[in-house]
Amino acid sequence: MLEVRFFRDRGGHRIAYADEGHGPLLVFPSWWVSHLERDADDPAYRRFFAALAAHFRVVRYDRQPKSVCLVSCRASSLNAAF
């Protein structure tokens, strides 16, 4: 099961992230519409990231406001998302 954690960016927005595996660091930027928990429900995503996490430390995060944190994050404009 994917463990989702949170941090606050400089603007105070709550951002969801996942940190899996050990080894050299790989950071994956968020997708156009990202949601860590929904990605984890997809078997293809799970296999892909599990294979990477077997050899690397893989960090993924959601792009605010389209993320796990959406329910608890403040509303923001499309311009703020970039």
N, C-alpha and C. Protein backbone atom coordinates (compact mmCIF):
# COMPACT_ATOMS: atom_id res chain seq x y z
N MET A 1 0.84 -1.19 0.00
CA MET A 1 0.00 0.00 0.00
C MET A 1 0.88 1.25 0.00
N LEU A 2 0.53 2.18 -0.83
CA LEU A 2 1.28 3.42 -0.95
C LEU A 2 1.04 4.31 0.27
N GLU A 3 2.12 4.76 0.88
CA GLU A 3 2.00 5.69 2.00
C GLU A 3 2.11 7.10 1.46
N VAL A 4 1.05 7.87 1.60
CA VAL A 4 1.02 9.25 1.13
C VAL A 4 1.27 10.16 2.32
N ARG A 5 2.21 11.08 2.14
CA ARG A 5 2.55 12.05 3.17
C ARG A 5 2.27 13.44 2.61
N PHE A 6 2.41 14.44 3.46
CA PHE A 6 2.13 15.81 3.04
C PHE A 6 3.20 16.77 3.51
N PHE A 7 3.40 17.82 2.74
CA PHE A 7 4.22 18.95 3.18
C PHE A 7 3.53 20.22 2.71
N ARG A 8 3.96 21.33 3.23
CA ARG A 8 3.41 22.63 2.81
C ARG A 8 4.46 23.36 1.99
N ASP A 9 4.02 23.90 0.85
CA ASP A 9 4.95 24.67 0.03
C ASP A 9 5.07 26.08 0.61
N ARG A 10 5.85 26.91 -0.03
CA ARG A 10 6.08 28.27 0.48
C ARG A 10 4.80 29.08 0.56
N GLY A 11 3.83 28.76 -0.29
CA GLY A 11 2.56 29.48 -0.27
C GLY A 11 1.58 28.92 0.74
N GLY A 12 1.98 27.88 1.47
CA GLY A 12 1.13 27.29 2.48
C GLY A 12 0.20 26.19 1.95
N HIS A 13 0.33 25.85 0.66
CA HIS A 13 -0.50 24.80 0.09
C HIS A 13 -0.02 23.43 0.55
N ARG A 14 -0.94 22.57 0.85
CA ARG A 14 -0.63 21.21 1.29
C ARG A 14 -0.43 20.34 0.05
N ILE A 15 0.74 19.73 -0.08
CA ILE A 15 1.08 18.92 -1.25
C ILE A 15 1.31 17.48 -0.80
N ALA A 16 0.68 16.55 -1.52
CA ALA A 16 0.83 15.12 -1.23
C ALA A 16 2.06 14.59 -1.95
N TYR A 17 2.79 13.68 -1.28
CA TYR A 17 3.93 13.04 -1.92
C TYR A 17 4.08 11.61 -1.41
N ALA A 18 4.78 10.82 -2.19
CA ALA A 18 5.09 9.44 -1.81
C ALA A 18 6.59 9.23 -1.99
N ASP A 19 7.19 8.50 -1.08
CA ASP A 19 8.63 8.24 -1.08
C ASP A 19 8.81 6.74 -0.89
N GLU A 20 9.30 6.05 -1.93
CA GLU A 20 9.42 4.59 -1.90
C GLU A 20 10.83 4.16 -2.31
N GLY A 21 11.27 3.04 -1.79
CA GLY A 21 12.52 2.43 -2.21
C GLY A 21 13.75 3.03 -1.55
N HIS A 22 14.90 2.50 -1.96
CA HIS A 22 16.20 2.94 -1.43
C HIS A 22 17.19 2.97 -2.58
N GLY A 23 18.15 3.87 -2.49
CA GLY A 23 19.17 3.97 -3.51
C GLY A 23 19.22 5.37 -4.08
N PRO A 24 19.79 5.51 -5.27
CA PRO A 24 19.87 6.84 -5.89
C PRO A 24 18.47 7.44 -6.06
N LEU A 25 18.38 8.73 -5.89
CA LEU A 25 17.10 9.42 -5.91
C LEU A 25 16.58 9.65 -7.33
N LEU A 26 15.31 9.31 -7.54
CA LEU A 26 14.57 9.65 -8.75
C LEU A 26 13.36 10.45 -8.32
N VAL A 27 13.21 11.66 -8.83
CA VAL A 27 12.05 12.49 -8.51
C VAL A 27 11.19 12.59 -9.76
N PHE A 28 9.93 12.20 -9.62
CA PHE A 28 8.99 12.27 -10.74
C PHE A 28 8.08 13.46 -10.55
N PRO A 29 8.07 14.35 -11.53
CA PRO A 29 7.12 15.47 -11.44
C PRO A 29 5.70 14.95 -11.58
N SER A 30 4.78 15.74 -11.16
CA SER A 30 3.38 15.34 -11.25
C SER A 30 2.91 15.33 -12.70
N TRP A 31 1.88 14.54 -12.94
CA TRP A 31 1.28 14.48 -14.28
C TRP A 31 0.36 15.68 -14.44
N TRP A 32 -0.25 15.80 -15.60
CA TRP A 32 -1.18 16.90 -15.84
C TRP A 32 -2.28 16.89 -14.78
N VAL A 33 -2.90 15.75 -14.59
CA VAL A 33 -3.85 15.57 -13.49
C VAL A 33 -3.29 14.42 -12.67
N SER A 34 -2.76 14.73 -11.53
CA SER A 34 -2.12 13.68 -10.73
C SER A 34 -2.87 13.46 -9.43
N HIS A 35 -2.86 12.22 -9.03
CA HIS A 35 -3.49 11.83 -7.77
C HIS A 35 -2.78 10.55 -7.34
N LEU A 36 -1.92 10.64 -6.36
CA LEU A 36 -1.08 9.51 -5.97
C LEU A 36 -1.88 8.26 -5.65
N GLU A 37 -2.96 8.40 -4.92
CA GLU A 37 -3.74 7.21 -4.54
C GLU A 37 -4.41 6.57 -5.74
N ARG A 38 -4.92 7.37 -6.65
CA ARG A 38 -5.55 6.80 -7.85
C ARG A 38 -4.50 6.15 -8.74
N ASP A 39 -3.34 6.76 -8.85
CA ASP A 39 -2.26 6.12 -9.62
C ASP A 39 -1.91 4.77 -9.02
N ALA A 40 -1.89 4.69 -7.70
CA ALA A 40 -1.53 3.44 -7.02
C ALA A 40 -2.57 2.35 -7.24
N ASP A 41 -3.79 2.74 -7.57
CA ASP A 41 -4.84 1.76 -7.85
C ASP A 41 -4.70 1.13 -9.23
N ASP A 42 -3.93 1.75 -10.10
CA ASP A 42 -3.75 1.26 -11.47
C ASP A 42 -2.63 0.22 -11.49
N PRO A 43 -2.90 -1.02 -11.91
CA PRO A 43 -1.88 -2.07 -11.89
C PRO A 43 -0.63 -1.72 -12.69
N ALA A 44 -0.77 -1.04 -13.82
CA ALA A 44 0.40 -0.68 -14.63
C ALA A 44 1.29 0.32 -13.90
N TYR A 45 0.69 1.33 -13.27
CA TYR A 45 1.47 2.29 -12.48
C TYR A 45 2.16 1.59 -11.32
N ARG A 46 1.42 0.72 -10.61
CA ARG A 46 2.00 0.00 -9.46
C ARG A 46 3.22 -0.80 -9.87
N ARG A 47 3.10 -1.56 -10.97
CA ARG A 47 4.24 -2.38 -11.44
C ARG A 47 5.42 -1.50 -11.83
N PHE A 48 5.15 -0.43 -12.55
CA PHE A 48 6.22 0.47 -13.00
C PHE A 48 6.99 1.05 -11.82
N PHE A 49 6.26 1.62 -10.86
CA PHE A 49 6.94 2.24 -9.72
C PHE A 49 7.53 1.22 -8.76
N ALA A 50 6.95 0.05 -8.64
CA ALA A 50 7.53 -1.01 -7.81
C ALA A 50 8.86 -1.47 -8.40
N ALA A 51 8.93 -1.58 -9.72
CA ALA A 51 10.18 -1.99 -10.38
C ALA A 51 11.26 -0.93 -10.16
N LEU A 52 10.90 0.33 -10.26
CA LEU A 52 11.88 1.40 -10.01
C LEU A 52 12.31 1.42 -8.55
N ALA A 53 11.35 1.27 -7.64
CA ALA A 53 11.66 1.33 -6.21
C ALA A 53 12.52 0.16 -5.74
N ALA A 54 12.62 -0.89 -6.54
CA ALA A 54 13.50 -2.01 -6.19
C ALA A 54 14.97 -1.61 -6.31
N HIS A 55 15.25 -0.52 -7.05
CA HIS A 55 16.64 -0.12 -7.29
C HIS A 55 16.93 1.34 -6.94
N PHE A 56 15.87 2.14 -6.76
CA PHE A 56 16.03 3.57 -6.54
C PHE A 56 15.10 4.04 -5.42
N ARG A 57 15.41 5.21 -4.90
CA ARG A 57 14.46 5.91 -4.03
C ARG A 57 13.60 6.77 -4.96
N VAL A 58 12.33 6.49 -5.02
CA VAL A 58 11.42 7.15 -5.96
C VAL A 58 10.50 8.09 -5.18
N VAL A 59 10.57 9.37 -5.52
CA VAL A 59 9.71 10.37 -4.89
C VAL A 59 8.78 10.93 -5.96
N ARG A 60 7.50 10.87 -5.67
CA ARG A 60 6.47 11.45 -6.55
C ARG A 60 5.64 12.42 -5.75
N TYR A 61 5.09 13.40 -6.42
CA TYR A 61 4.24 14.35 -5.72
C TYR A 61 3.09 14.76 -6.62
N ASP A 62 2.02 15.22 -6.00
CA ASP A 62 0.86 15.71 -6.72
C ASP A 62 1.03 17.19 -7.00
N ARG A 63 0.51 17.59 -8.14
CA ARG A 63 0.52 19.01 -8.50
C ARG A 63 -0.69 19.66 -7.87
N GLN A 64 -0.46 20.59 -7.01
CA GLN A 64 -1.55 21.30 -6.37
C GLN A 64 -2.21 22.19 -7.42
N PRO A 65 -3.52 22.28 -7.57
CA PRO A 65 -4.55 21.76 -6.70
C PRO A 65 -5.15 20.43 -7.16
N LYS A 66 -4.62 19.77 -8.16
CA LYS A 66 -5.22 18.53 -8.69
C LYS A 66 -4.63 17.33 -7.99
N SER A 67 -4.91 17.16 -6.71
CA SER A 67 -4.19 16.13 -5.97
C SER A 67 -5.00 15.56 -4.83
N VAL A 68 -4.35 14.66 -4.10
CA VAL A 68 -4.93 14.09 -2.88
C VAL A 68 -5.30 15.22 -1.92
N CYS A 69 -4.53 16.29 -1.93
CA CYS A 69 -4.75 17.38 -0.97
C CYS A 69 -5.92 18.26 -1.37
N LEU A 70 -6.56 18.00 -2.50
CA LEU A 70 -7.61 18.88 -3.02
C LEU A 70 -8.69 19.16 -1.99
N VAL A 71 -9.09 18.16 -1.25
CA VAL A 71 -10.18 18.34 -0.29
C VAL A 71 -9.79 19.34 0.79
N SER A 72 -8.55 19.33 1.21
CA SER A 72 -8.14 20.18 2.32
C SER A 72 -7.36 21.41 1.88
N CYS A 73 -7.07 21.53 0.60
CA CYS A 73 -6.31 22.68 0.11
C CYS A 73 -7.24 23.83 -0.24
N ARG A 74 -6.68 25.02 -0.18
CA ARG A 74 -7.44 26.19 -0.60
C ARG A 74 -7.64 26.16 -2.11
N ALA A 75 -8.72 26.75 -2.57
CA ALA A 75 -8.97 26.84 -4.01
C ALA A 75 -7.88 27.73 -4.61
N SER A 76 -7.51 27.40 -5.83
CA SER A 76 -6.54 28.25 -6.51
C SER A 76 -6.89 28.28 -7.99
N SER A 77 -6.36 29.26 -8.65
CA SER A 77 -6.67 29.46 -10.07
C SER A 77 -5.79 28.57 -10.94
N LEU A 78 -6.15 28.47 -12.21
CA LEU A 78 -5.34 27.71 -13.15
C LEU A 78 -3.94 28.30 -13.24
N ASN A 79 -3.83 29.63 -13.21
CA ASN A 79 -2.52 30.27 -13.26
C ASN A 79 -1.65 29.89 -12.07
N ALA A 80 -2.25 29.73 -10.92
CA ALA A 80 -1.49 29.35 -9.72
C ALA A 80 -0.96 27.93 -9.82
N ALA A 81 -1.60 27.10 -10.64
CA ALA A 81 -1.16 25.71 -10.79
C ALA A 81 0.13 25.62 -11.57
N PHE A 82 0.49 26.67 -12.29
CA PHE A 82 1.73 26.66 -13.07
C PHE A 82 2.74 27.42 -12.34
